[in-house]
Protein backbone atom coordinates (compact mmCIF):
# COMPACT_ATOMS: atom_id res chain seq x y z
CA MET A 1 72.52 -57.35 128.51
CA ILE A 2 71.54 -54.09 126.79
CA ALA A 3 74.29 -52.25 128.63
CA ARG A 4 76.85 -54.84 127.69
CA SER A 5 75.72 -54.88 124.06
CA THR A 6 75.88 -51.09 123.92
CA SER A 7 79.38 -51.25 125.33
CA ALA A 8 80.37 -53.71 122.62
CA VAL A 9 78.98 -51.49 119.88
CA ARG A 10 80.68 -48.47 121.44
CA ARG A 11 83.93 -50.43 121.29
CA GLY A 12 83.14 -51.15 117.65
CA ALA A 13 82.64 -47.44 116.99
CA ALA A 14 85.94 -46.70 118.67
CA ALA A 15 87.54 -49.37 116.50
CA LEU A 16 86.17 -47.64 113.39
CA LEU A 17 87.77 -44.41 114.56
CA ALA A 18 91.01 -46.31 115.19
CA ILE A 19 90.92 -47.74 111.68
CA VAL A 20 91.00 -44.25 110.24
CA LEU A 21 93.93 -43.43 112.48
CA GLY A 22 95.91 -46.57 111.76
CA LEU A 23 95.38 -47.55 108.12
CA SER A 24 98.27 -46.98 105.71
CA ALA A 25 97.93 -44.84 102.60
CA GLY A 26 99.75 -42.91 99.90
CA ALA A 27 100.03 -40.00 97.50
CA LEU A 28 97.64 -37.09 97.11
CA GLY A 29 95.73 -36.18 93.98
CA CYS A 30 94.30 -32.90 92.72
CA LYS A 31 91.68 -30.93 94.56
CA SER A 32 88.24 -32.26 93.82
CA PRO A 33 85.96 -29.80 92.03
CA GLY A 34 83.27 -30.69 94.54
CA ALA A 35 85.48 -30.38 97.63
CA PRO A 36 83.90 -28.26 100.37
CA SER A 37 85.26 -24.81 100.98
CA ASP A 38 87.02 -24.21 104.26
CA ALA A 39 87.47 -20.57 105.12
CA GLY A 40 89.49 -21.23 108.25
CA ALA A 41 91.95 -23.62 106.70
CA ALA A 42 92.14 -21.97 103.28
CA ALA A 43 94.41 -19.27 104.64
CA LEU A 44 96.86 -21.95 105.75
CA SER A 45 99.14 -22.91 102.87
CA PRO A 46 100.02 -26.60 102.29
CA VAL A 47 103.11 -28.02 103.97
CA PRO A 48 105.39 -30.88 102.92
CA ALA A 49 104.57 -34.42 104.00
CA PRO A 50 106.08 -35.48 107.32
CA ALA A 51 109.12 -37.74 107.19
CA GLY A 52 108.26 -41.40 106.81
CA LEU A 53 104.69 -40.84 105.59
CA ILE A 54 103.13 -44.23 104.96
CA ALA A 55 99.41 -43.51 105.16
CA GLU A 56 96.61 -41.19 104.22
CA ALA A 57 93.02 -42.07 105.01
CA PHE A 58 89.74 -40.40 104.09
CA LEU A 59 86.30 -40.73 105.65
CA PRO A 60 84.41 -38.53 103.15
CA THR A 61 80.95 -38.36 104.74
CA PRO A 62 81.18 -39.02 108.50
CA ASP A 63 77.48 -38.54 109.29
CA ALA A 64 76.23 -40.66 106.39
CA THR A 65 78.79 -43.41 107.03
CA TRP A 66 77.96 -43.53 110.74
CA ALA A 67 74.25 -43.76 109.93
CA ARG A 68 74.91 -46.73 107.64
CA ALA A 69 77.13 -48.35 110.28
CA ARG A 70 74.39 -48.02 112.91
CA ALA A 71 71.88 -49.58 110.53
CA LEU A 72 74.22 -52.49 109.80
CA ILE A 73 74.95 -53.14 113.48
CA GLY A 74 71.27 -52.83 114.41
CA GLY A 75 69.92 -53.64 117.86
CA SER A 76 71.59 -51.71 120.64
CA ALA A 77 73.37 -49.43 118.12
CA ALA A 78 70.15 -47.40 118.22
CA LEU A 79 71.16 -46.34 121.74
CA LEU A 80 74.40 -44.78 120.50
CA PRO A 81 74.74 -41.16 119.32
CA SER A 82 72.92 -40.51 116.07
CA SER A 83 75.54 -38.19 114.57
CA ALA A 84 79.25 -38.53 113.92
CA GLY A 85 79.83 -35.33 115.92
CA ALA A 86 78.13 -36.71 119.01
CA LEU A 87 80.01 -39.99 118.62
CA ALA A 88 83.36 -38.19 118.34
CA ALA A 89 82.59 -36.01 121.37
CA SER A 90 81.72 -39.11 123.40
CA LEU A 91 84.79 -41.09 122.35
CA LEU A 92 87.17 -38.16 122.87
CA GLY A 93 85.76 -37.16 126.27
CA LEU A 94 84.47 -33.77 125.05
CA PRO A 95 81.31 -32.09 126.37
CA ILE A 96 78.28 -33.07 124.31
CA THR A 97 77.52 -29.37 123.80
CA VAL A 98 80.31 -29.14 121.21
CA ALA A 99 78.93 -32.03 119.10
CA SER A 100 76.97 -29.59 116.94
CA GLU A 101 80.22 -27.79 116.10
CA ILE A 102 81.63 -30.91 114.43
CA ASP A 103 80.81 -30.89 110.72
CA GLY A 104 79.64 -34.39 109.72
CA GLY A 105 79.41 -33.48 106.05
CA VAL A 106 83.13 -32.72 105.57
CA PRO A 107 85.74 -35.50 105.30
CA VAL A 108 87.63 -36.78 108.31
CA LEU A 109 91.31 -37.02 107.34
CA GLY A 110 94.10 -39.16 108.72
CA ALA A 111 97.82 -39.67 108.17
CA ALA A 112 100.30 -42.20 109.52
CA VAL A 113 104.10 -42.23 109.59
CA GLU A 114 106.66 -44.90 110.26
CA ALA A 115 108.04 -44.69 113.79
CA ALA A 116 111.74 -43.90 113.91
CA ASP A 117 112.39 -46.58 116.54
CA GLY A 118 110.75 -49.33 114.48
CA ALA A 119 107.67 -49.49 116.71
CA ARG A 120 104.12 -49.41 115.38
CA PRO A 121 103.26 -46.48 113.07
CA ARG A 122 102.21 -43.14 114.54
CA ALA A 123 99.01 -41.48 113.35
CA ALA A 124 97.01 -38.26 113.50
CA LEU A 125 93.37 -37.58 112.69
CA GLY A 126 91.69 -34.35 111.52
CA ILE A 127 87.97 -33.78 112.24
CA HIS A 128 86.41 -30.72 110.62
CA VAL A 129 84.66 -28.21 112.87
CA LYS A 130 82.47 -25.34 111.72
CA ASP A 131 84.57 -22.61 113.30
CA GLY A 132 87.90 -23.39 114.94
CA GLY A 133 87.99 -20.28 117.12
CA ARG A 134 84.45 -20.78 118.40
CA PHE A 135 85.19 -24.45 119.06
CA ILE A 136 88.20 -23.51 121.21
CA ASP A 137 86.16 -20.91 123.11
CA GLN A 138 83.45 -23.45 123.96
CA LEU A 139 86.04 -25.78 125.46
CA THR A 140 88.19 -23.23 127.27
CA ARG A 141 85.89 -20.37 128.40
CA GLY A 142 83.06 -20.04 130.87
CA GLU A 143 82.11 -21.96 133.97
CA GLY A 144 81.96 -25.27 132.07
CA ALA A 145 85.48 -24.97 130.67
CA ARG A 146 87.32 -28.32 130.68
CA PHE A 147 90.46 -27.38 128.76
CA ARG A 148 93.00 -24.66 128.39
CA ALA A 149 94.52 -23.71 125.06
CA LYS A 150 98.30 -23.72 124.76
CA PRO A 151 99.53 -22.39 121.40
CA ASP A 152 102.46 -24.12 119.73
CA ALA A 153 104.56 -21.37 118.19
CA ALA A 154 106.10 -23.52 115.47
CA THR A 155 102.86 -24.92 114.04
CA ALA A 156 100.13 -22.53 115.29
CA ILE A 157 98.27 -25.51 116.71
CA ALA A 158 96.24 -24.66 119.80
CA LEU A 159 96.99 -27.64 122.05
CA LEU A 160 94.03 -28.48 124.30
CA GLU A 161 95.17 -29.51 127.78
CA PRO A 162 92.59 -30.82 130.31
CA LEU A 163 92.14 -28.68 133.40
CA GLN A 164 91.70 -31.80 135.51
CA GLY A 165 93.03 -35.30 135.07
CA ALA A 166 94.55 -36.54 131.85
CA SER A 167 93.11 -36.93 128.37
CA PRO A 168 93.35 -40.40 126.73
CA VAL A 169 94.59 -38.72 123.55
CA ALA A 170 96.29 -35.48 122.54
CA LEU A 171 93.93 -32.82 121.14
CA GLY A 172 94.57 -29.60 119.27
CA VAL A 173 92.94 -27.21 116.82
CA LEU A 174 94.49 -25.82 113.65
CA GLY A 175 92.33 -23.75 111.34
CA ASN A 176 88.97 -25.46 111.28
CA TYR A 177 90.27 -28.91 112.18
CA LEU A 178 90.17 -30.69 115.52
CA LEU A 179 93.36 -32.75 115.53
CA VAL A 180 93.64 -36.04 117.42
CA ALA A 181 96.79 -38.08 118.04
CA GLU A 182 98.25 -40.35 120.66
CA THR A 183 100.80 -37.82 121.93
CA PRO A 184 101.37 -34.04 121.60
CA GLY A 185 104.53 -34.81 119.64
CA ASP A 186 102.53 -36.76 117.06
CA LEU A 187 100.04 -33.91 116.91
CA ILE A 188 102.74 -31.35 116.19
CA SER A 189 104.64 -33.48 113.65
CA MET A 190 101.63 -34.64 111.60
CA GLY A 191 98.84 -32.21 112.43
CA PRO A 192 99.87 -29.44 110.00
CA TYR A 193 99.96 -31.89 107.10
CA VAL A 194 96.52 -33.24 107.97
CA ALA A 195 94.90 -29.80 108.40
CA ARG A 196 96.74 -27.78 105.75
CA THR A 197 97.65 -30.19 102.93
CA MET A 198 95.23 -33.10 102.97
CA PRO A 199 92.09 -30.92 102.53
CA GLN A 200 93.41 -30.22 99.00
CA ALA A 201 93.21 -33.90 98.03
CA GLN A 202 90.56 -35.34 95.77
CA VAL A 203 87.79 -36.80 97.90
CA PRO A 204 87.10 -40.49 97.23
CA LYS A 205 83.57 -41.85 96.80
CA GLU A 206 83.80 -44.76 99.24
CA ASP A 207 82.87 -44.62 102.92
CA LEU A 208 86.53 -45.12 103.84
CA ALA A 209 89.50 -44.99 101.47
CA VAL A 210 93.19 -45.54 102.08
CA GLU A 211 96.13 -45.50 99.67
CA ILE A 212 99.44 -47.17 100.48
CA PRO A 213 102.50 -45.94 98.57
CA ARG A 214 105.53 -47.85 97.45
CA ALA A 215 107.73 -46.71 100.34
CA ALA A 216 105.32 -48.17 102.87
CA LEU A 217 104.79 -51.42 100.97
CA GLU A 218 108.46 -52.24 100.55
CA GLY A 219 109.29 -50.94 104.03
CA PRO A 220 107.18 -51.18 107.19
CA VAL A 221 104.26 -53.11 105.66
CA LEU A 222 106.53 -55.82 104.25
CA LYS A 223 108.54 -55.87 107.47
CA ALA A 224 105.42 -56.42 109.57
CA ALA A 225 104.12 -59.14 107.26
CA ARG A 226 107.45 -60.97 107.24
CA SER A 227 107.70 -60.72 111.01
CA ALA A 228 104.28 -62.36 111.36
CA TRP A 229 105.32 -65.15 109.00
CA ASP A 230 108.60 -65.69 110.84
CA LYS A 231 106.63 -66.31 114.02
CA ALA A 232 104.86 -69.19 112.27
CA ARG A 233 108.15 -70.80 111.29
CA GLY A 234 110.24 -73.18 113.30
CA PRO A 235 113.50 -72.16 114.97
CA ASP A 236 115.49 -73.45 111.98
CA GLY A 237 113.47 -71.40 109.51
CA ALA A 238 111.29 -74.22 108.23
CA PRO A 239 107.53 -73.84 108.66
CA ARG A 240 105.88 -75.68 111.51
CA ALA A 241 103.72 -78.63 110.48
CA THR A 242 100.53 -76.58 110.53
CA ALA A 243 102.04 -74.01 108.16
CA VAL A 244 103.56 -76.42 105.62
CA PRO A 245 100.67 -76.25 103.10
CA LEU A 246 100.75 -72.43 103.18
CA GLY A 247 104.52 -71.99 103.02
CA PRO A 248 105.02 -71.55 99.24
CA MET A 249 101.92 -69.37 98.92
CA ILE A 250 102.99 -67.05 101.74
CA GLU A 251 106.57 -66.74 100.49
CA SER A 252 105.28 -65.78 97.03
CA ALA A 253 102.86 -63.26 98.53
CA LEU A 254 105.68 -61.61 100.50
CA ALA A 255 107.81 -61.31 97.37
CA MET A 256 104.91 -59.69 95.52
CA LEU A 257 104.10 -57.34 98.41
CA GLY A 258 107.57 -55.81 98.26
CA ASP A 259 107.27 -55.30 94.51
CA LEU A 260 104.07 -53.22 94.43
CA GLU A 261 104.08 -49.59 93.32
CA ARG A 262 101.00 -48.73 95.38
CA ALA A 263 97.96 -50.28 97.01
CA ARG A 264 94.51 -49.03 97.89
CA LEU A 265 92.02 -50.08 100.58
CA THR A 266 88.36 -49.09 100.62
CA LEU A 267 85.29 -49.81 102.71
CA VAL A 268 81.71 -49.40 101.48
CA LEU A 269 78.67 -49.85 103.71
CA ASP A 270 75.23 -50.49 102.26
CA GLU A 271 72.95 -53.43 103.06
CA ASP A 272 76.19 -55.32 103.83
CA ALA A 273 79.85 -54.37 104.37
CA HIS A 274 82.35 -54.49 101.48
CA LEU A 275 86.12 -54.22 101.97
CA ARG A 276 88.32 -53.92 98.87
CA ALA A 277 92.08 -53.91 98.32
CA SER A 278 94.05 -53.47 95.11
CA GLY A 279 97.73 -53.36 94.25
CA THR A 280 99.62 -52.16 91.18
CA PRO A 281 102.95 -53.90 90.39
CA LYS A 282 106.10 -51.88 89.85
CA ALA A 283 107.41 -51.51 86.31
CA GLY A 284 110.38 -53.64 85.32
CA GLY A 285 109.06 -57.19 85.35
CA GLY A 286 109.67 -57.94 89.03
CA PRO A 287 108.00 -60.64 91.14
CA ALA A 288 104.65 -58.83 91.27
CA SER A 289 104.51 -58.23 87.49
CA LYS A 290 105.48 -61.82 86.82
CA ALA A 291 102.94 -63.12 89.31
CA SER A 292 100.14 -61.01 87.84
CA ALA A 293 100.93 -62.32 84.35
CA ASP A 294 101.18 -65.93 85.53
CA LEU A 295 98.19 -65.85 87.84
CA ALA A 296 95.53 -68.40 86.92
CA VAL A 297 92.10 -66.79 87.04
CA GLY A 298 88.63 -67.96 86.16
CA ASP A 299 85.04 -67.98 87.31
CA VAL A 300 83.49 -69.25 90.52
CA LYS A 301 81.77 -72.34 89.05
CA PRO A 302 83.88 -75.00 90.85
CA LEU A 303 82.87 -73.40 94.15
CA LEU A 304 79.21 -73.37 93.13
CA ASP A 305 79.47 -77.09 92.31
CA LEU A 306 80.24 -78.04 95.93
CA PRO A 307 77.48 -79.71 97.99
CA ALA A 308 74.60 -77.46 99.01
CA ASP A 309 75.15 -78.14 102.72
CA SER A 310 78.73 -76.79 102.68
CA ARG A 311 79.28 -74.43 105.59
CA VAL A 312 82.72 -73.43 104.25
CA GLY A 313 83.86 -73.45 100.63
CA ILE A 314 87.23 -72.59 99.10
CA LEU A 315 88.48 -72.30 95.51
CA VAL A 316 92.14 -71.98 94.46
CA ARG A 317 93.42 -71.64 90.90
CA ASP A 318 97.04 -72.00 89.78
CA ARG A 319 99.05 -72.79 86.66
CA ALA A 320 101.37 -75.74 86.06
CA ALA A 321 104.40 -73.44 85.81
CA THR A 322 103.58 -71.83 89.14
CA ARG A 323 103.15 -75.23 90.79
CA ALA A 324 106.47 -76.38 89.37
CA GLU A 325 108.26 -73.39 90.87
CA SER A 326 106.73 -74.23 94.27
CA VAL A 327 108.01 -77.82 94.33
CA PRO A 328 111.45 -77.03 95.87
CA ARG A 329 109.82 -74.93 98.58
CA LEU A 330 107.36 -77.73 99.37
CA VAL A 331 110.20 -80.21 99.59
CA ASP A 332 112.10 -77.87 101.93
CA ALA A 333 109.01 -77.47 104.07
CA LEU A 334 108.49 -81.22 104.37
CA ALA A 335 112.20 -81.75 105.00
CA GLY A 336 111.89 -79.38 107.94
CA LEU A 337 109.61 -81.89 109.67
CA VAL A 338 112.34 -84.49 110.06
CA GLU A 339 115.30 -84.46 112.41
CA GLY A 340 118.56 -83.46 110.77
CA ASP A 341 119.04 -83.11 107.02
CA LEU A 342 116.91 -85.12 104.62
CA PRO A 343 119.29 -87.33 102.58
CA ALA A 344 119.63 -86.46 98.90
CA ALA A 345 118.03 -89.69 97.67
CA GLU A 346 114.95 -89.24 99.85
CA ARG A 347 114.75 -85.56 98.93
CA GLU A 348 114.80 -86.44 95.23
CA ARG A 349 112.08 -89.08 95.68
CA VAL A 350 109.82 -86.66 97.54
CA GLY A 351 110.43 -83.96 94.95
CA ALA A 352 109.71 -86.32 92.07
CA ALA A 353 106.42 -87.44 93.62
CA ILE A 354 105.28 -83.86 94.31
CA ARG A 355 106.36 -82.76 90.84
CA ALA A 356 104.46 -85.61 89.16
CA ALA A 357 101.29 -84.89 91.12
CA SER A 358 101.62 -81.19 90.32
CA ASP A 359 101.98 -81.90 86.60
CA ALA A 360 99.09 -84.36 86.51
CA ARG A 361 96.39 -82.35 88.24
CA GLY A 362 94.48 -79.49 86.68
CA ASP A 363 94.59 -75.77 87.35
CA TRP A 364 92.07 -75.55 90.21
CA PHE A 365 90.78 -77.28 93.28
CA ALA A 366 87.74 -76.59 95.43
CA GLY A 367 87.04 -77.79 98.94
CA GLY A 368 84.34 -77.54 101.54
CA LEU A 369 83.25 -78.43 105.05
CA ARG A 370 79.95 -79.89 106.21
CA PHE A 371 78.59 -80.93 109.60
CA ASP A 372 76.28 -83.67 110.76
CA GLY A 373 75.19 -84.51 114.30
CA ALA A 374 78.56 -86.06 115.18
CA GLY A 375 81.07 -83.62 113.73
CA PRO A 376 82.71 -82.05 110.67
CA THR A 377 83.66 -83.65 107.35
CA ALA A 378 85.87 -81.95 104.76
CA PHE A 379 85.88 -82.72 101.05
CA VAL A 380 87.82 -81.67 97.95
CA ARG A 381 87.32 -81.77 94.21
CA ALA A 382 90.27 -80.95 91.96
CA ALA A 383 90.63 -80.74 88.20
CA VAL A 384 92.52 -83.62 86.58
CA GLY A 385 94.91 -83.22 83.64
CA ASP A 386 96.35 -86.75 83.38
CA ARG A 387 94.36 -89.34 85.34
CA ALA A 388 96.82 -92.24 85.13
CA LYS A 389 99.80 -90.08 86.06
CA LEU A 390 97.92 -88.52 88.97
CA GLU A 391 96.90 -91.92 90.38
CA ALA A 392 100.52 -93.14 90.20
CA SER A 393 101.95 -89.96 91.74
CA ILE A 394 99.53 -90.12 94.69
CA GLN A 395 100.70 -93.66 95.38
CA ASP A 396 104.31 -92.46 95.23
CA LEU A 397 103.55 -89.66 97.67
CA LEU A 398 101.93 -92.06 100.11
CA GLY A 399 104.95 -94.30 99.78
CA THR A 400 107.26 -91.56 101.06
CA ALA A 401 105.67 -92.03 104.50
CA GLU A 402 107.66 -95.28 104.68
CA LEU A 403 110.99 -93.54 104.10
CA PRO A 404 113.05 -93.84 107.32
CA PRO A 405 113.26 -90.07 108.10
CA PHE A 406 109.49 -89.54 107.70
CA LYS A 407 108.62 -92.79 109.42
CA ALA A 408 110.70 -91.70 112.40
CA ALA A 409 108.98 -88.29 112.41
CA LEU A 410 105.56 -89.97 112.42
CA GLN A 411 106.63 -92.26 115.26
CA ARG A 412 107.74 -89.28 117.32
CA GLU A 413 104.27 -87.81 116.83
CA GLY A 414 102.67 -91.13 117.79
CA LEU A 415 101.22 -91.69 114.30
CA ARG A 416 101.08 -94.56 111.82
CA VAL A 417 99.95 -94.26 108.18
CA SER A 418 98.47 -97.07 106.09
CA ALA A 419 96.77 -97.18 102.68
CA GLY A 420 94.56 -99.54 100.70
CA LYS A 421 91.33 -99.95 98.78
CA ALA A 422 87.94 -99.05 100.25
CA ALA A 423 84.51 -100.47 99.49
CA LEU A 424 82.06 -97.62 98.95
CA PRO A 425 78.93 -98.77 97.08
CA LEU A 426 77.08 -96.57 94.59
CA LEU A 427 80.22 -94.72 93.52
CA ASP A 428 81.80 -95.30 90.13
CA GLY A 429 85.56 -95.70 90.31
CA ASP A 430 88.30 -97.13 92.49
CA VAL A 431 87.94 -95.63 95.97
CA ARG A 432 91.09 -95.73 98.11
CA ARG A 433 91.63 -95.21 101.83
CA VAL A 434 94.49 -93.58 103.73
CA ARG A 435 94.35 -94.13 107.49
CA PHE A 436 96.21 -92.09 110.10
CA GLU A 437 96.29 -93.92 113.44
CA ARG A 438 97.58 -93.01 116.85
CA THR A 439 99.94 -95.61 118.17
CA ALA A 440 99.58 -97.19 121.61
CA GLY A 441 99.88 -94.71 124.46
CA ALA A 442 99.40 -91.70 122.19
CA SER A 443 95.61 -91.66 121.97
CA ALA A 444 95.02 -89.72 125.21
CA PRO A 445 97.02 -87.31 127.37
CA ALA A 446 98.95 -88.79 130.24
CA GLY A 447 97.18 -88.87 133.57
CA ALA A 448 93.41 -88.74 133.70
CA GLY A 449 92.84 -90.28 130.27
CA GLY A 450 91.82 -87.27 128.25
CA ALA A 451 90.51 -83.76 128.51
CA PRO A 452 87.17 -83.06 130.19
CA ALA A 453 84.07 -83.06 128.02
CA ARG A 454 83.23 -79.77 126.37
CA LYS A 455 80.18 -78.08 127.84
CA GLY A 456 77.09 -77.47 125.75
CA PRO A 457 75.65 -74.01 125.05
CA GLN A 458 73.49 -74.08 128.20
CA GLY A 459 76.40 -74.92 130.48
CA GLY A 460 75.63 -78.64 130.69
CA LYS A 461 77.36 -81.58 129.13
CA GLY A 462 75.57 -81.23 125.81
CA GLY A 463 74.72 -84.04 123.42
CA PRO A 464 76.89 -86.95 122.38
CA ALA A 465 78.84 -84.85 119.90
CA ALA A 466 79.64 -82.23 122.51
CA GLN A 467 80.62 -84.82 125.11
CA GLY A 468 83.18 -86.48 122.86
CA ALA A 469 84.35 -83.41 120.99
CA SER A 470 87.32 -82.76 123.25
CA LEU A 471 88.76 -86.26 122.86
CA PRO A 472 90.93 -86.77 119.75
CA PRO A 473 89.95 -89.77 117.61
CA SER A 474 92.24 -92.77 117.64
CA SER A 475 92.27 -92.82 113.83
CA ILE A 476 91.34 -90.60 110.89
CA GLU A 477 90.49 -91.87 107.43
CA LEU A 478 90.87 -90.09 104.13
CA LEU A 479 89.00 -91.51 101.13
CA TYR A 480 89.83 -90.46 97.60
CA LEU A 481 88.74 -91.25 94.08
CA VAL A 482 90.36 -90.24 90.79
CA ARG A 483 88.13 -89.98 87.72
CA ASP A 484 88.30 -88.12 84.45
CA ASP A 485 85.96 -85.45 85.84
CA GLY A 486 88.04 -84.80 88.93
CA LEU A 487 90.02 -85.90 91.94
CA PHE A 488 87.57 -86.29 94.83
CA ALA A 489 88.61 -86.71 98.45
CA SER A 490 87.06 -86.52 101.89
CA VAL A 491 88.29 -86.70 105.48
CA GLY A 492 86.67 -86.18 108.86
CA ASN A 493 83.79 -87.57 110.86
CA ASP A 494 82.16 -89.43 107.92
CA PRO A 495 84.47 -89.46 104.90
CA GLY A 496 82.24 -91.92 103.06
CA ALA A 497 79.28 -89.55 103.23
CA GLY A 498 81.56 -86.63 102.36
CA LEU A 499 82.92 -88.37 99.27
CA ARG A 500 79.42 -89.33 98.09
CA SER A 501 78.31 -85.74 98.72
CA VAL A 502 81.02 -84.01 96.71
CA VAL A 503 80.68 -86.47 93.81
CA GLY A 504 76.90 -86.37 93.85
CA ALA A 505 76.74 -82.58 93.91
CA LEU A 506 77.66 -82.52 90.22
CA GLN A 507 74.20 -83.92 89.44
CA GLY A 508 72.41 -83.12 92.68
CA GLU A 509 71.98 -80.22 95.11
CA ARG A 510 74.81 -77.73 94.66
CA LEU A 511 75.95 -74.67 96.57
CA GLY A 512 75.03 -72.58 93.54
CA GLU A 513 71.37 -73.49 94.05
CA VAL A 514 71.29 -71.94 97.54
CA PRO A 515 69.85 -68.45 96.88
CA SER A 516 71.89 -66.58 99.50
CA MET A 517 75.16 -68.22 98.42
CA LYS A 518 74.46 -67.67 94.72
CA THR A 519 73.78 -63.99 95.39
CA ALA A 520 76.91 -63.58 97.52
CA LEU A 521 79.22 -65.27 95.00
CA ALA A 522 77.77 -63.88 91.75
CA PRO A 523 79.63 -60.50 91.91
CA LEU A 524 83.06 -62.16 91.93
CA GLY A 525 83.24 -62.25 88.14
CA SER A 526 85.71 -64.23 86.03
CA ASP A 527 89.15 -63.08 87.24
CA ILE A 528 89.28 -65.06 90.50
CA ALA A 529 92.42 -66.81 91.69
CA PHE A 530 91.16 -67.51 95.21
CA ALA A 531 87.73 -67.46 96.83
CA LEU A 532 86.50 -68.41 100.29
CA VAL A 533 82.89 -68.40 101.46
CA VAL A 534 81.83 -69.06 105.05
CA GLU A 535 78.39 -69.32 106.65
CA PRO A 536 79.41 -68.17 110.16
CA LEU A 537 75.99 -68.37 111.83
CA ARG A 538 75.25 -71.82 110.48
CA LEU A 539 78.82 -72.89 111.21
CA VAL A 540 78.45 -71.88 114.86
CA ALA A 541 75.09 -73.66 115.07
CA SER A 542 76.69 -76.80 113.64
CA ARG A 543 79.52 -76.61 116.15
CA LEU A 544 76.90 -76.46 118.90
CA GLY A 545 75.32 -79.67 117.64
CA GLN A 546 72.51 -78.01 115.64
CA PRO A 547 73.62 -78.54 112.01
CA GLY A 548 70.31 -77.40 110.51
CA ALA A 549 70.00 -74.17 112.48
CA GLY A 550 71.27 -70.64 111.94
CA ASP A 551 70.47 -67.93 109.42
CA SER A 552 72.23 -67.72 106.08
CA ALA A 553 74.68 -64.81 106.29
CA PRO A 554 77.60 -65.50 103.91
CA VAL A 555 81.03 -63.96 104.35
CA VAL A 556 83.00 -63.97 101.09
CA ILE A 557 86.76 -63.39 100.75
CA ALA A 558 88.32 -63.45 97.29
CA ALA A 559 91.41 -62.37 95.35
CA GLY A 560 92.52 -62.24 91.76
CA ALA A 561 94.03 -60.02 89.09
CA ALA A 562 92.23 -57.59 86.80
CA SER A 563 93.02 -57.62 83.10
CA GLU A 564 96.07 -55.83 81.75
CA SER A 565 95.48 -52.39 80.27
CA ALA A 566 97.60 -50.11 78.06
CA GLY A 567 100.68 -52.26 78.52
CA SER A 568 100.48 -52.14 82.30
CA PRO A 569 100.59 -55.40 84.27
CA ALA A 570 97.39 -56.76 85.72
CA ALA A 571 96.47 -55.18 89.03
CA PHE A 572 95.90 -57.47 91.99
CA TRP A 573 92.63 -57.19 93.88
CA ALA A 574 91.16 -58.67 97.01
CA ARG A 575 87.73 -58.27 98.56
CA ALA A 576 85.74 -59.22 101.61
CA ASP A 577 81.95 -59.02 101.73
CA VAL A 578 80.20 -59.52 105.06
CA ALA A 579 76.43 -59.99 105.33
CA ALA A 580 74.56 -57.66 107.66
CA ALA A 581 73.19 -60.56 109.72
CA ALA A 582 76.74 -61.71 110.49
CA ILE A 583 77.72 -58.20 111.58
CA ARG A 584 74.69 -57.95 113.88
CA GLU A 585 75.40 -61.33 115.43
CA LEU A 586 79.03 -60.39 116.01
CA ALA A 587 77.92 -57.19 117.75
CA ARG A 588 75.41 -59.14 119.84
CA LEU A 589 77.95 -61.76 120.89
CA GLY A 590 80.49 -59.03 121.67
CA GLY A 591 78.08 -57.55 124.17
CA ALA A 592 78.00 -60.80 126.13
CA PHE A 593 81.65 -60.52 127.17
């Protein structure tokens, strides 16, 4: 197990090295007053950026960052090399004797360019060595020589070719930088820029920093993002059923992505891991500027008001105008679920119902997920602007399920939808039920009558929840309640308990009273548009039929827009914070495979 765990951590270390190679970045700044001197490279004048530059990455303090990474990973990471130089030598297949020549106090630099053939970006990495000439001699001279040096006349790079076998990457030395790339061609095209120009850049303070310029954002980055979204869409361009709720949000995000002037990514390691991203809209009032001005932001309180036993929590804020603009896209997405074109009358009815619901609800909703011994239950609380109008619009939306095109679509899926009142004692208000049922012959796969039972964590059949987990239920109920203080809804294994839980949390045990969750969410501030918090260790324990087990190790993902300054539009930001315990468990589980 130790060997496998060490292998997993080694793969993680290699992934960290790959991140520096592959992340996209942008323009250079001035030379930092505190930048280290480099006698070998100083004599090499800067060169222009390579064609198609889309990335520059900086790892300012390799030794210190690697030490923090080892502490975060814990466990078998202690068996890995203690210095960044020894780690690099191991990963690159170099003799360990040269590890001391690698300078772990000087930034590792990386650059990426767009591939001419439209393939994935090409990248090169520069690792500072104490003396380039001595480093080459140690690899190419004496009885232990493993490489031969082959000078490239055009760039003065000493290409290092293995004397036996093949190297997994291309290696070369220019000045006092060991250059690493996938191919010799990449080394020659990008290496001079990495070793001669990038050392003049201002060194960032974070453990890893990347800047992405406009050309990359509106070109290859946007292209890759749109390609991924296209794969989630149906053959006619409409989103598949699972992507319908995300369709308008993703389309808006793609429009904003192509309208950013620059973006920045950073990683900071301390007791936990913190990933940050920010984007600055272009001037001119384009989609990104408009979105930043229209973005609804606020504090994290609705998320903190979810039930204390939530294993997942999500908060989304939006404005009425933004919701109104999304109505046509939502109608198009729903129309894509039916065969043929949705008739104009039906399209208008669906649009009117969505529009009315959008107008009547408030500017945020929060949802969560809890587990009991039998399975998961999801719940939602949303702000209410006009209670009577919202209640009527929900009824209109449910009524669209009876329209012939949607009814036929449900029948093809083997589903039937019904609605009515529900009796749920001890709750103030009119609770209503929506039931989704599988029609005859659709409740189990053809043949053996269902999938085999899922095995428990010890390889056996597990408890009752595990034995029935692989069989889809014959019906699912959604309960909802509209009051002046919110729209409450729940669906899943026990929607009645879920509805009581989300309503009762306003006066009872809330997520904000759980110390670890309060600490994890407190730094988000008051400019949040989206926030997601997950308890991965407790979530896994719940999935294994142990809902009360697992350590608290929150993972927080959030996004929003900082305030406008000096007439500039608000800058977008996003962040991910991962607790150390979650990182250690991920490393441990990785070693088991």
